[in-house]
């Protein structure tokens, strides 16, 4: 099966930067869309950024201009470069991929990584 491992979270001061990574492992799969979500306790999980198989991207209004999503297909990895971080960006960040195995398509979630931005 496909497994996602996230890394890059941590504590950073407002205005700083972090780079999140999400690496997919397994066999017999091809990745379609890759996404980043975030969720704080008591609130709904929020879509932050999307990158399609063709490389087109979309962002939530709250992060547009500050965050950049990218992918390395050779490494089966998606990244989220987060610049000019704000305290309201504090959240657990999750990656999700849509992958095709054999004739079926599945969606997989990463384990989440904590991002904390201090004022």
Protein backbone atom coordinates (compact mmCIF):
# COMPACT_ATOMS: atom_id res chain seq x y z
CA UNK A 1 0.00 0.00 0.00
CA UNK A 2 0.92 3.66 -0.24
CA UNK A 3 2.22 5.39 2.87
CA UNK A 4 2.86 9.10 3.36
CA UNK A 5 5.52 10.45 5.73
CA UNK A 6 5.50 14.15 6.58
CA UNK A 7 8.39 16.20 7.93
CA UNK A 8 9.51 19.80 8.34
CA UNK A 9 7.15 21.11 11.00
CA UNK A 10 8.30 22.95 14.07
CA UNK A 11 8.31 26.21 16.00
CA UNK A 12 9.11 29.44 14.19
CA UNK A 13 8.82 33.15 14.92
CA UNK A 14 6.31 35.28 13.03
CA UNK A 15 7.78 36.32 9.70
CA UNK A 16 9.90 33.20 9.46
CA UNK A 17 9.78 30.30 7.05
CA UNK A 18 9.32 26.55 7.09
CA UNK A 19 9.37 23.91 4.37
CA UNK A 20 7.13 20.88 4.76
CA UNK A 21 7.76 17.64 2.90
CA UNK A 22 5.49 14.68 2.26
CA UNK A 23 7.03 11.57 0.71
CA UNK A 24 4.98 8.70 -0.67
CA UNK A 25 6.28 5.14 -0.62
CA UNK A 26 4.96 1.86 -1.91
CA UNK A 27 4.79 0.02 -5.19
CA UNK A 28 2.64 -0.12 -8.26
CA UNK A 29 1.13 3.34 -7.94
CA UNK A 30 1.11 6.63 -9.78
CA UNK A 31 0.26 9.93 -8.12
CA UNK A 32 -2.35 12.26 -9.49
CA UNK A 33 -3.26 15.27 -7.33
CA UNK A 34 -1.31 16.32 -4.24
CA UNK A 35 -2.79 18.56 -1.55
CA UNK A 36 -1.97 20.21 1.77
CA UNK A 37 -4.59 20.70 4.49
CA UNK A 38 -4.44 22.16 7.98
CA UNK A 39 -6.60 21.72 11.04
CA UNK A 40 -6.72 23.27 14.51
CA UNK A 41 -8.65 21.75 17.44
CA UNK A 42 -12.37 22.38 17.24
CA UNK A 43 -12.29 23.56 13.64
CA UNK A 44 -12.86 21.92 10.28
CA UNK A 45 -9.93 20.73 8.23
CA UNK A 46 -9.04 23.42 5.69
CA UNK A 47 -7.63 22.97 2.21
CA UNK A 48 -4.48 25.07 1.90
CA UNK A 49 -2.95 24.25 -1.49
CA UNK A 50 -3.37 21.89 -4.43
CA UNK A 51 -1.08 20.80 -7.23
CA UNK A 52 -2.32 18.65 -10.09
CA UNK A 53 -0.49 16.08 -12.18
CA UNK A 54 0.02 18.74 -14.85
CA UNK A 55 1.59 21.12 -12.33
CA UNK A 56 -1.22 23.64 -11.99
CA UNK A 57 -1.69 25.04 -8.48
CA UNK A 58 -4.38 26.64 -6.34
CA UNK A 59 -4.20 28.24 -2.90
CA UNK A 60 -6.49 29.32 -0.12
CA UNK A 61 -6.89 33.08 0.04
CA UNK A 62 -5.32 33.14 3.49
CA UNK A 63 -1.98 31.79 2.22
CA UNK A 64 -1.81 33.01 -1.36
CA UNK A 65 1.41 34.91 -2.00
CA UNK A 66 3.11 33.41 1.07
CA UNK A 67 2.95 29.64 0.49
CA UNK A 68 4.16 27.67 -2.51
CA UNK A 69 3.27 24.06 -3.28
CA UNK A 70 5.55 22.01 -5.51
CA UNK A 71 6.20 18.37 -6.36
CA UNK A 72 9.12 16.17 -7.32
CA UNK A 73 7.67 13.30 -9.31
CA UNK A 74 10.94 11.35 -9.34
CA UNK A 75 10.89 11.31 -5.52
CA UNK A 76 7.10 10.98 -5.15
CA UNK A 77 7.25 13.99 -2.85
CA UNK A 78 5.18 17.14 -2.41
CA UNK A 79 6.49 20.24 -0.65
CA UNK A 80 4.92 23.27 0.97
CA UNK A 81 7.22 26.27 1.25
CA UNK A 82 5.76 28.61 3.87
CA UNK A 83 7.13 32.15 4.01
CA UNK A 84 6.17 35.17 6.11
CA UNK A 85 4.45 32.92 8.61
CA UNK A 86 1.79 34.39 10.88
CA UNK A 87 0.46 33.19 14.25
CA UNK A 88 -2.83 32.28 12.57
CA UNK A 89 -0.92 29.75 10.46
CA UNK A 90 -0.40 27.67 13.60
CA UNK A 91 -1.99 24.30 12.92
CA UNK A 92 -1.39 20.65 12.22
CA UNK A 93 -0.64 20.29 8.54
CA UNK A 94 -1.65 17.18 6.59
CA UNK A 95 -0.78 16.09 3.09
CA UNK A 96 -3.14 14.09 0.92
CA UNK A 97 -2.48 12.39 -2.37
CA UNK A 98 -4.73 10.82 -4.93
CA UNK A 99 -3.03 7.77 -6.41
CA UNK A 100 -3.90 5.11 -8.94
CA UNK A 101 -3.07 1.45 -8.26
CA UNK A 102 -3.99 -1.11 -10.90
CA UNK A 103 -7.40 0.06 -12.09
CA UNK A 104 -8.44 1.79 -8.87
CA UNK A 105 -7.94 5.28 -7.49
CA UNK A 106 -7.41 5.94 -3.78
CA UNK A 107 -6.77 8.87 -1.48
CA UNK A 108 -4.14 8.73 1.28
CA UNK A 109 -3.43 11.01 4.25
CA UNK A 110 -0.17 11.81 5.94
CA UNK A 111 0.17 11.58 9.72
CA UNK A 112 0.24 15.35 10.21
CA UNK A 113 3.01 17.66 11.33
CA UNK A 114 2.69 20.50 13.85
CA UNK A 115 3.51 24.06 12.79
CA UNK A 116 3.59 26.65 15.57
CA UNK A 117 4.19 30.34 14.84
CA UNK A 118 4.96 32.60 17.79
CA UNK A 119 4.23 36.32 17.82
